[in-house]
Amino acid sequence: MQITLPPHIQSYIKEQIETGRHETEQDVIVDVFEQVMHDYDAMSDPKVLEAIAQADRGETRELTEEVWNEIREDARLGKPIPDDVKY
């Protein structure tokens, strides 16, 4: 397969190789497609869809410093993560 990519995408691919993140052009393209495919799969997960619906309904909790402290304390005590917040 041969394709011609726009200059900005070619620049991105070149940058990824120059910074050492990827070794070849093919590696960059495969990585990008795998990320897109993973994200697409996640969007069909019923738990992800329910979480989005809850957020749309305003059923969220602001991540204040107090909430972060509770999370840290629960982790320190080894408390299990409730099923309703795992996703």
PDB file of N, CA and C in Angstrom:
ATOM      1  N   MET A   1       0.853  -1.171   0.000  1.00  0.00           N
ATOM      2  CA  MET A   1       0.000   0.000   0.000  1.00  0.00           C
ATOM      3  C   MET A   1       0.899   1.233   0.000  1.00  0.00           C
ATOM      4  N   GLN A   2       0.568   2.178  -0.833  1.00  0.00           N
ATOM      5  CA  GLN A   2       1.281   3.445  -0.843  1.00  0.00           C
ATOM      6  C   GLN A   2       0.279   4.567  -0.647  1.00  0.00           C
ATOM      7  N   ILE A   3       0.635   5.502   0.229  1.00  0.00           N
ATOM      8  CA  ILE A   3      -0.218   6.663   0.453  1.00  0.00           C
ATOM      9  C   ILE A   3       0.661   7.901   0.512  1.00  0.00           C
ATOM     10  N   THR A   4       0.062   9.042   0.230  1.00  0.00           N
ATOM     11  CA  THR A   4       0.767  10.313   0.346  1.00  0.00           C
ATOM     12  C   THR A   4       0.143  11.068   1.508  1.00  0.00           C
ATOM     13  N   LEU A   5       0.979  11.421   2.466  1.00  0.00           N
ATOM     14  CA  LEU A   5       0.492  12.107   3.664  1.00  0.00           C
ATOM     15  C   LEU A   5       0.734  13.604   3.548  1.00  0.00           C
ATOM     16  N   PRO A   6      -0.139  14.410   4.142  1.00  0.00           N
ATOM     17  CA  PRO A   6       0.059  15.858   4.129  1.00  0.00           C
ATOM     18  C   PRO A   6       1.345  16.230   4.876  1.00  0.00           C
ATOM     19  N   PRO A   7       1.918  17.384   4.548  1.00  0.00           N
ATOM     20  CA  PRO A   7       3.187  17.798   5.157  1.00  0.00           C
ATOM     21  C   PRO A   7       3.183  17.805   6.688  1.00  0.00           C
ATOM     22  N   HIS A   8       2.089  18.237   7.315  1.00  0.00           N
ATOM     23  CA  HIS A   8       2.088  18.308   8.783  1.00  0.00           C
ATOM     24  C   HIS A   8       2.169  16.912   9.404  1.00  0.00           C
ATOM     25  N   ILE A   9       1.597  15.925   8.754  1.00  0.00           N
ATOM     26  CA  ILE A   9       1.692  14.557   9.272  1.00  0.00           C
ATOM     27  C   ILE A   9       3.082  13.998   9.011  1.00  0.00           C
ATOM     28  N   GLN A  10       3.645  14.318   7.861  1.00  0.00           N
ATOM     29  CA  GLN A  10       5.015  13.896   7.578  1.00  0.00           C
ATOM     30  C   GLN A  10       5.977  14.480   8.613  1.00  0.00           C
ATOM     31  N   SER A  11       5.760  15.743   8.984  1.00  0.00           N
ATOM     32  CA  SER A  11       6.603  16.386  10.005  1.00  0.00           C
ATOM     33  C   SER A  11       6.461  15.689  11.349  1.00  0.00           C
ATOM     34  N   TYR A  12       5.233  15.333  11.689  1.00  0.00           N
ATOM     35  CA  TYR A  12       4.991  14.630  12.952  1.00  0.00           C
ATOM     36  C   TYR A  12       5.734  13.299  12.970  1.00  0.00           C
ATOM     37  N   ILE A  13       5.643  12.564  11.895  1.00  0.00           N
ATOM     38  CA  ILE A  13       6.311  11.257  11.812  1.00  0.00           C
ATOM     39  C   ILE A  13       7.820  11.436  11.947  1.00  0.00           C
ATOM     40  N   LYS A  14       8.361  12.413  11.237  1.00  0.00           N
ATOM     41  CA  LYS A  14       9.805  12.685  11.306  1.00  0.00           C
ATOM     42  C   LYS A  14      10.219  13.036  12.737  1.00  0.00           C
ATOM     43  N   GLU A  15       9.424  13.859  13.399  1.00  0.00           N
ATOM     44  CA  GLU A  15       9.712  14.261  14.783  1.00  0.00           C
ATOM     45  C   GLU A  15       9.712  13.052  15.724  1.00  0.00           C
ATOM     46  N   GLN A  16       8.760  12.148  15.534  1.00  0.00           N
ATOM     47  CA  GLN A  16       8.675  10.958  16.380  1.00  0.00           C
ATOM     48  C   GLN A  16       9.925  10.091  16.244  1.00  0.00           C
ATOM     49  N   ILE A  17      10.461  10.016  15.054  1.00  0.00           N
ATOM     50  CA  ILE A  17      11.676   9.227  14.820  1.00  0.00           C
ATOM     51  C   ILE A  17      12.889   9.960  15.384  1.00  0.00           C
ATOM     52  N   GLU A  18      12.980  11.276  15.143  1.00  0.00           N
ATOM     53  CA  GLU A  18      14.126  12.061  15.614  1.00  0.00           C
ATOM     54  C   GLU A  18      14.222  12.093  17.131  1.00  0.00           C
ATOM     55  N   THR A  19      13.090  12.081  17.820  1.00  0.00           N
ATOM     56  CA  THR A  19      13.111  12.122  19.289  1.00  0.00           C
ATOM     57  C   THR A  19      13.320  10.739  19.898  1.00  0.00           C
ATOM     58  N   GLY A  20      13.343   9.715  19.043  1.00  0.00           N
ATOM     59  CA  GLY A  20      13.601   8.366  19.536  1.00  0.00           C
ATOM     60  C   GLY A  20      12.376   7.619  20.013  1.00  0.00           C
ATOM     61  N   ARG A  21      11.231   8.214  19.859  1.00  0.00           N
ATOM     62  CA  ARG A  21      10.012   7.524  20.300  1.00  0.00           C
ATOM     63  C   ARG A  21       9.729   6.304  19.429  1.00  0.00           C
ATOM     64  N   HIS A  22      10.047   6.422  18.149  1.00  0.00           N
ATOM     65  CA  HIS A  22       9.860   5.319  17.206  1.00  0.00           C
ATOM     66  C   HIS A  22      11.101   5.192  16.340  1.00  0.00           C
ATOM     67  N   GLU A  23      11.302   3.994  15.797  1.00  0.00           N
ATOM     68  CA  GLU A  23      12.476   3.755  14.960  1.00  0.00           C
ATOM     69  C   GLU A  23      12.205   3.975  13.478  1.00  0.00           C
ATOM     70  N   THR A  24      10.990   3.686  13.038  1.00  0.00           N
ATOM     71  CA  THR A  24      10.681   3.785  11.612  1.00  0.00           C
ATOM     72  C   THR A  24       9.356   4.502  11.393  1.00  0.00           C
ATOM     73  N   GLU A  25       9.152   4.919  10.146  1.00  0.00           N
ATOM     74  CA  GLU A  25       7.879   5.546   9.785  1.00  0.00           C
ATOM     75  C   GLU A  25       6.725   4.582  10.027  1.00  0.00           C
ATOM     76  N   GLN A  26       6.937   3.332   9.675  1.00  0.00           N
ATOM     77  CA  GLN A  26       5.885   2.330   9.870  1.00  0.00           C
ATOM     78  C   GLN A  26       5.529   2.199  11.345  1.00  0.00           C
ATOM     79  N   ASP A  27       6.535   2.236  12.233  1.00  0.00           N
ATOM     80  CA  ASP A  27       6.269   2.144  13.674  1.00  0.00           C
ATOM     81  C   ASP A  27       5.343   3.271  14.136  1.00  0.00           C
ATOM     82  N   VAL A  28       5.589   4.479  13.627  1.00  0.00           N
ATOM     83  CA  VAL A  28       4.763   5.626  14.014  1.00  0.00           C
ATOM     84  C   VAL A  28       3.320   5.410  13.564  1.00  0.00           C
ATOM     85  N   ILE A  29       3.156   5.031  12.321  1.00  0.00           N
ATOM     86  CA  ILE A  29       1.811   4.867  11.763  1.00  0.00           C
ATOM     87  C   ILE A  29       1.056   3.740  12.460  1.00  0.00           C
ATOM     88  N   VAL A  30       1.733   2.629  12.714  1.00  0.00           N
ATOM     89  CA  VAL A  30       1.086   1.512  13.409  1.00  0.00           C
ATOM     90  C   VAL A  30       0.667   1.946  14.813  1.00  0.00           C
ATOM     91  N   ASP A  31       1.539   2.671  15.523  1.00  0.00           N
ATOM     92  CA  ASP A  31       1.217   3.123  16.876  1.00  0.00           C
ATOM     93  C   ASP A  31      -0.018   4.027  16.873  1.00  0.00           C
ATOM     94  N   VAL A  32      -0.067   4.960  15.944  1.00  0.00           N
ATOM     95  CA  VAL A  32      -1.212   5.871  15.869  1.00  0.00           C
ATOM     96  C   VAL A  32      -2.502   5.094  15.610  1.00  0.00           C
ATOM     97  N   PHE A  33      -2.461   4.161  14.665  1.00  0.00           N
ATOM     98  CA  PHE A  33      -3.665   3.384  14.373  1.00  0.00           C
ATOM     99  C   PHE A  33      -4.081   2.518  15.557  1.00  0.00           C
ATOM    100  N   GLU A  34      -3.118   1.936  16.258  1.00  0.00           N
ATOM    101  CA  GLU A  34      -3.464   1.114  17.422  1.00  0.00           C
ATOM    102  C   GLU A  34      -4.120   1.950  18.507  1.00  0.00           C
ATOM    103  N   GLN A  35      -3.636   3.179  18.701  1.00  0.00           N
ATOM    104  CA  GLN A  35      -4.261   4.060  19.689  1.00  0.00           C
ATOM    105  C   GLN A  35      -5.696   4.393  19.295  1.00  0.00           C
ATOM    106  N   VAL A  36      -5.902   4.712  18.036  1.00  0.00           N
ATOM    107  CA  VAL A  36      -7.247   5.036  17.555  1.00  0.00           C
ATOM    108  C   VAL A  36      -8.167   3.832  17.714  1.00  0.00           C
ATOM    109  N   MET A  37      -7.667   2.655  17.355  1.00  0.00           N
ATOM    110  CA  MET A  37      -8.487   1.446  17.464  1.00  0.00           C
ATOM    111  C   MET A  37      -8.825   1.146  18.920  1.00  0.00           C
ATOM    112  N   HIS A  38      -7.872   1.366  19.833  1.00  0.00           N
ATOM    113  CA  HIS A  38      -8.122   1.143  21.259  1.00  0.00           C
ATOM    114  C   HIS A  38      -9.189   2.107  21.759  1.00  0.00           C
ATOM    115  N   ASP A  39      -9.057   3.384  21.374  1.00  0.00           N
ATOM    116  CA  ASP A  39     -10.045   4.376  21.792  1.00  0.00           C
ATOM    117  C   ASP A  39     -11.424   4.022  21.254  1.00  0.00           C
ATOM    118  N   TYR A  40     -11.485   3.553  20.024  1.00  0.00           N
ATOM    119  CA  TYR A  40     -12.761   3.164  19.426  1.00  0.00           C
ATOM    120  C   TYR A  40     -13.371   2.003  20.201  1.00  0.00           C
ATOM    121  N   ASP A  41     -12.544   1.016  20.557  1.00  0.00           N
ATOM    122  CA  ASP A  41     -13.036  -0.120  21.339  1.00  0.00           C
ATOM    123  C   ASP A  41     -13.575   0.340  22.688  1.00  0.00           C
ATOM    124  N   ALA A  42     -12.880   1.285  23.318  1.00  0.00           N
ATOM    125  CA  ALA A  42     -13.316   1.774  24.625  1.00  0.00           C
ATOM    126  C   ALA A  42     -14.675   2.452  24.527  1.00  0.00           C
ATOM    127  N   MET A  43     -14.925   3.121  23.416  1.00  0.00           N
ATOM    128  CA  MET A  43     -16.195   3.829  23.257  1.00  0.00           C
ATOM    129  C   MET A  43     -17.372   2.882  23.048  1.00  0.00           C
ATOM    130  N   SER A  44     -17.111   1.606  22.842  1.00  0.00           N
ATOM    131  CA  SER A  44     -18.213   0.649  22.722  1.00  0.00           C
ATOM    132  C   SER A  44     -18.388  -0.158  24.010  1.00  0.00           C
ATOM    133  N   ASP A  45     -17.565   0.136  25.028  1.00  0.00           N
ATOM    134  CA  ASP A  45     -17.654  -0.544  26.318  1.00  0.00           C
ATOM    135  C   ASP A  45     -18.859   0.012  27.080  1.00  0.00           C
ATOM    136  N   PRO A  46     -19.800  -0.840  27.478  1.00  0.00           N
ATOM    137  CA  PRO A  46     -20.993  -0.355  28.188  1.00  0.00           C
ATOM    138  C   PRO A  46     -20.664   0.445  29.448  1.00  0.00           C
ATOM    139  N   LYS A  47     -19.601   0.088  30.149  1.00  0.00           N
ATOM    140  CA  LYS A  47     -19.249   0.818  31.371  1.00  0.00           C
ATOM    141  C   LYS A  47     -18.761   2.229  31.043  1.00  0.00           C
ATOM    142  N   VAL A  48     -18.011   2.361  29.959  1.00  0.00           N
ATOM    143  CA  VAL A  48     -17.554   3.683  29.532  1.00  0.00           C
ATOM    144  C   VAL A  48     -18.755   4.523  29.097  1.00  0.00           C
ATOM    145  N   LEU A  49     -19.652   3.920  28.342  1.00  0.00           N
ATOM    146  CA  LEU A  49     -20.839   4.644  27.889  1.00  0.00           C
ATOM    147  C   LEU A  49     -21.706   5.091  29.062  1.00  0.00           C
ATOM    148  N   GLU A  50     -21.828   4.256  30.087  1.00  0.00           N
ATOM    149  CA  GLU A  50     -22.601   4.634  31.276  1.00  0.00           C
ATOM    150  C   GLU A  50     -21.907   5.772  32.018  1.00  0.00           C
ATOM    151  N   ALA A  51     -20.582   5.734  32.107  1.00  0.00           N
ATOM    152  CA  ALA A  51     -19.845   6.813  32.770  1.00  0.00           C
ATOM    153  C   ALA A  51     -20.056   8.136  32.041  1.00  0.00           C
ATOM    154  N   ILE A  52     -20.039   8.093  30.724  1.00  0.00           N
ATOM    155  CA  ILE A  52     -20.287   9.305  29.940  1.00  0.00           C
ATOM    156  C   ILE A  52     -21.705   9.808  30.183  1.00  0.00           C
ATOM    157  N   ALA A  53     -22.667   8.903  30.213  1.00  0.00           N
ATOM    158  CA  ALA A  53     -24.060   9.287  30.468  1.00  0.00           C
ATOM    159  C   ALA A  53     -24.203   9.909  31.856  1.00  0.00           C
ATOM    160  N   GLN A  54     -23.525   9.341  32.851  1.00  0.00           N
ATOM    161  CA  GLN A  54     -23.583   9.902  34.204  1.00  0.00           C
ATOM    162  C   GLN A  54     -23.008  11.316  34.218  1.00  0.00           C
ATOM    163  N   ALA A  55     -21.903  11.511  33.540  1.00  0.00           N
ATOM    164  CA  ALA A  55     -21.306  12.848  33.482  1.00  0.00           C
ATOM    165  C   ALA A  55     -22.245  13.822  32.783  1.00  0.00           C
ATOM    166  N   ASP A  56     -22.874  13.368  31.709  1.00  0.00           N
ATOM    167  CA  ASP A  56     -23.833  14.221  30.998  1.00  0.00           C
ATOM    168  C   ASP A  56     -25.007  14.617  31.886  1.00  0.00           C
ATOM    169  N   ARG A  57     -25.383  13.743  32.813  1.00  0.00           N
ATOM    170  CA  ARG A  57     -26.487  14.038  33.741  1.00  0.00           C
ATOM    171  C   ARG A  57     -26.016  14.859  34.944  1.00  0.00           C
ATOM    172  N   GLY A  58     -24.727  15.157  34.999  1.00  0.00           N
ATOM    173  CA  GLY A  58     -24.198  15.939  36.107  1.00  0.00           C
ATOM    174  C   GLY A  58     -23.882  15.121  37.341  1.00  0.00           C
ATOM    175  N   GLU A  59     -23.842  13.813  37.196  1.00  0.00           N
ATOM    176  CA  GLU A  59     -23.561  12.929  38.331  1.00  0.00           C
ATOM    177  C   GLU A  59     -22.047  12.770  38.485  1.00  0.00           C
ATOM    178  N   THR A  60     -21.411  13.868  38.829  1.00  0.00           N
ATOM    179  CA  THR A  60     -19.957  13.864  38.982  1.00  0.00           C
ATOM    180  C   THR A  60     -19.579  14.444  40.334  1.00  0.00           C
ATOM    181  N   ARG A  61     -18.326  14.294  40.665  1.00  0.00           N
ATOM    182  CA  ARG A  61     -17.800  14.835  41.914  1.00  0.00           C
ATOM    183  C   ARG A  61     -16.523  15.583  41.573  1.00  0.00           C
ATOM    184  N   GLU A  62     -16.439  16.831  41.972  1.00  0.00           N
ATOM    185  CA  GLU A  62     -15.265  17.633  41.685  1.00  0.00           C
ATOM    186  C   GLU A  62     -14.054  17.062  42.420  1.00  0.00           C
ATOM    187  N   LEU A  63     -12.934  16.987  41.718  1.00  0.00           N
ATOM    188  CA  LEU A  63     -11.712  16.455  42.329  1.00  0.00           C
ATOM    189  C   LEU A  63     -10.981  17.572  43.071  1.00  0.00           C
ATOM    190  N   THR A  64     -11.470  17.851  44.273  1.00  0.00           N
ATOM    191  CA  THR A  64     -10.860  18.868  45.121  1.00  0.00           C
ATOM    192  C   THR A  64      -9.681  18.261  45.871  1.00  0.00           C
ATOM    193  N   GLU A  65      -8.939  19.087  46.559  1.00  0.00           N
ATOM    194  CA  GLU A  65      -7.818  18.595  47.369  1.00  0.00           C
ATOM    195  C   GLU A  65      -8.323  17.628  48.437  1.00  0.00           C
ATOM    196  N   GLU A  66      -9.499  17.910  48.985  1.00  0.00           N
ATOM    197  CA  GLU A  66     -10.096  17.024  49.992  1.00  0.00           C
ATOM    198  C   GLU A  66     -10.366  15.633  49.408  1.00  0.00           C
ATOM    199  N   VAL A  67     -10.907  15.594  48.207  1.00  0.00           N
ATOM    200  CA  VAL A  67     -11.189  14.306  47.562  1.00  0.00           C
ATOM    201  C   VAL A  67      -9.885  13.559  47.295  1.00  0.00           C
ATOM    202  N   TRP A  68      -8.859  14.274  46.787  1.00  0.00           N
ATOM    203  CA  TRP A  68      -7.561  13.617  46.550  1.00  0.00           C
ATOM    204  C   TRP A  68      -6.988  13.057  47.851  1.00  0.00           C
ATOM    205  N   ASN A  69      -7.135  13.793  48.944  1.00  0.00           N
ATOM    206  CA  ASN A  69      -6.645  13.299  50.235  1.00  0.00           C
ATOM    207  C   ASN A  69      -7.380  12.028  50.653  1.00  0.00           C
ATOM    208  N   GLU A  70      -8.697  11.979  50.411  1.00  0.00           N
ATOM    209  CA  GLU A  70      -9.465  10.759  50.710  1.00  0.00           C
ATOM    210  C   GLU A  70      -8.959   9.588  49.868  1.00  0.00           C
ATOM    211  N   ILE A  71      -8.723   9.850  48.590  1.00  0.00           N
ATOM    212  CA  ILE A  71      -8.228   8.796  47.693  1.00  0.00           C
ATOM    213  C   ILE A  71      -6.875   8.287  48.173  1.00  0.00           C
ATOM    214  N   ARG A  72      -5.979   9.209  48.523  1.00  0.00           N
ATOM    215  CA  ARG A  72      -4.647   8.809  49.002  1.00  0.00           C
ATOM    216  C   ARG A  72      -4.742   7.998  50.297  1.00  0.00           C
ATOM    217  N   GLU A  73      -5.604   8.437  51.198  1.00  0.00           N
ATOM    218  CA  GLU A  73      -5.756   7.736  52.472  1.00  0.00           C
ATOM    219  C   GLU A  73      -6.330   6.338  52.254  1.00  0.00           C
ATOM    220  N   ASP A  74      -7.332   6.218  51.400  1.00  0.00           N
ATOM    221  CA  ASP A  74      -7.894   4.898  51.095  1.00  0.00           C
ATOM    222  C   ASP A  74      -6.829   3.984  50.492  1.00  0.00           C
ATOM    223  N   ALA A  75      -6.007   4.534  49.595  1.00  0.00           N
ATOM    224  CA  ALA A  75      -4.939   3.736  48.983  1.00  0.00           C
ATOM    225  C   ALA A  75      -3.922   3.320  50.040  1.00  0.00           C
ATOM    226  N   ARG A  76      -3.580   4.248  50.931  1.00  0.00           N
ATOM    227  CA  ARG A  76      -2.609   3.943  51.986  1.00  0.00           C
ATOM    228  C   ARG A  76      -3.109   2.823  52.889  1.00  0.00           C
ATOM    229  N   LEU A  77      -4.422   2.820  53.140  1.00  0.00           N
ATOM    230  CA  LEU A  77      -5.017   1.803  54.000  1.00  0.00           C
ATOM    231  C   LEU A  77      -5.313   0.504  53.256  1.00  0.00           C
ATOM    232  N   GLY A  78      -5.105   0.510  51.942  1.00  0.00           N
ATOM    233  CA  GLY A  78      -5.347  -0.699  51.156  1.00  0.00           C
ATOM    234  C   GLY A  78      -6.810  -0.986  50.898  1.00  0.00           C
ATOM    235  N   LYS A  79      -7.649   0.045  50.995  1.00  0.00           N
ATOM    236  CA  LYS A  79      -9.079  -0.156  50.746  1.00  0.00           C
ATOM    237  C   LYS A  79      -9.304  -0.475  49.272  1.00  0.00           C
ATOM    238  N   PRO A  80     -10.175  -1.433  48.980  1.00  0.00           N
ATOM    239  CA  PRO A  80     -10.451  -1.760  47.575  1.00  0.00           C
ATOM    240  C   PRO A  80     -11.206  -0.619  46.886  1.00  0.00           C
ATOM    241  N   ILE A  81     -11.010  -0.519  45.593  1.00  0.00           N
ATOM    242  CA  ILE A  81     -11.714   0.493  44.809  1.00  0.00           C
ATOM    243  C   ILE A  81     -13.144   0.010  44.586  1.00  0.00           C
ATOM    244  N   PRO A  82     -14.145   0.831  44.936  1.00  0.00           N
ATOM    245  CA  PRO A  82     -15.535   0.409  44.722  1.00  0.00           C
ATOM    246  C   PRO A  82     -15.799   0.138  43.241  1.00  0.00           C
ATOM    247  N   ASP A  83     -16.634  -0.847  42.977  1.00  0.00           N
ATOM    248  CA  ASP A  83     -16.933  -1.227  41.594  1.00  0.00           C
ATOM    249  C   ASP A  83     -17.487  -0.073  40.769  1.00  0.00           C
ATOM    250  N   ASP A  84     -18.237   0.824  41.407  1.00  0.00           N
ATOM    251  CA  ASP A  84     -18.868   1.901  40.639  1.00  0.00           C
ATOM    252  C   ASP A  84     -17.906   3.016  40.231  1.00  0.00           C
ATOM    253  N   VAL A  85     -16.649   2.952  40.659  1.00  0.00           N
ATOM    254  CA  VAL A  85     -15.685   3.978  40.252  1.00  0.00           C
ATOM    255  C   VAL A  85     -14.460   3.406  39.548  1.00  0.00           C
ATOM    256  N   LYS A  86     -14.486   2.148  39.202  1.00  0.00           N
ATOM    257  CA  LYS A  86     -13.321   1.541  38.561  1.00  0.00           C
ATOM    258  C   LYS A  86     -13.141   1.980  37.118  1.00  0.00           C
ATOM    259  N   TYR A  87     -14.179   2.438  36.486  1.00  0.00           N
ATOM    260  CA  TYR A  87     -14.073   2.800  35.071  1.00  0.00           C
ATOM    261  C   TYR A  87     -14.331   4.257  34.861  1.00  0.00           C
TER     262      TYR A  87
END
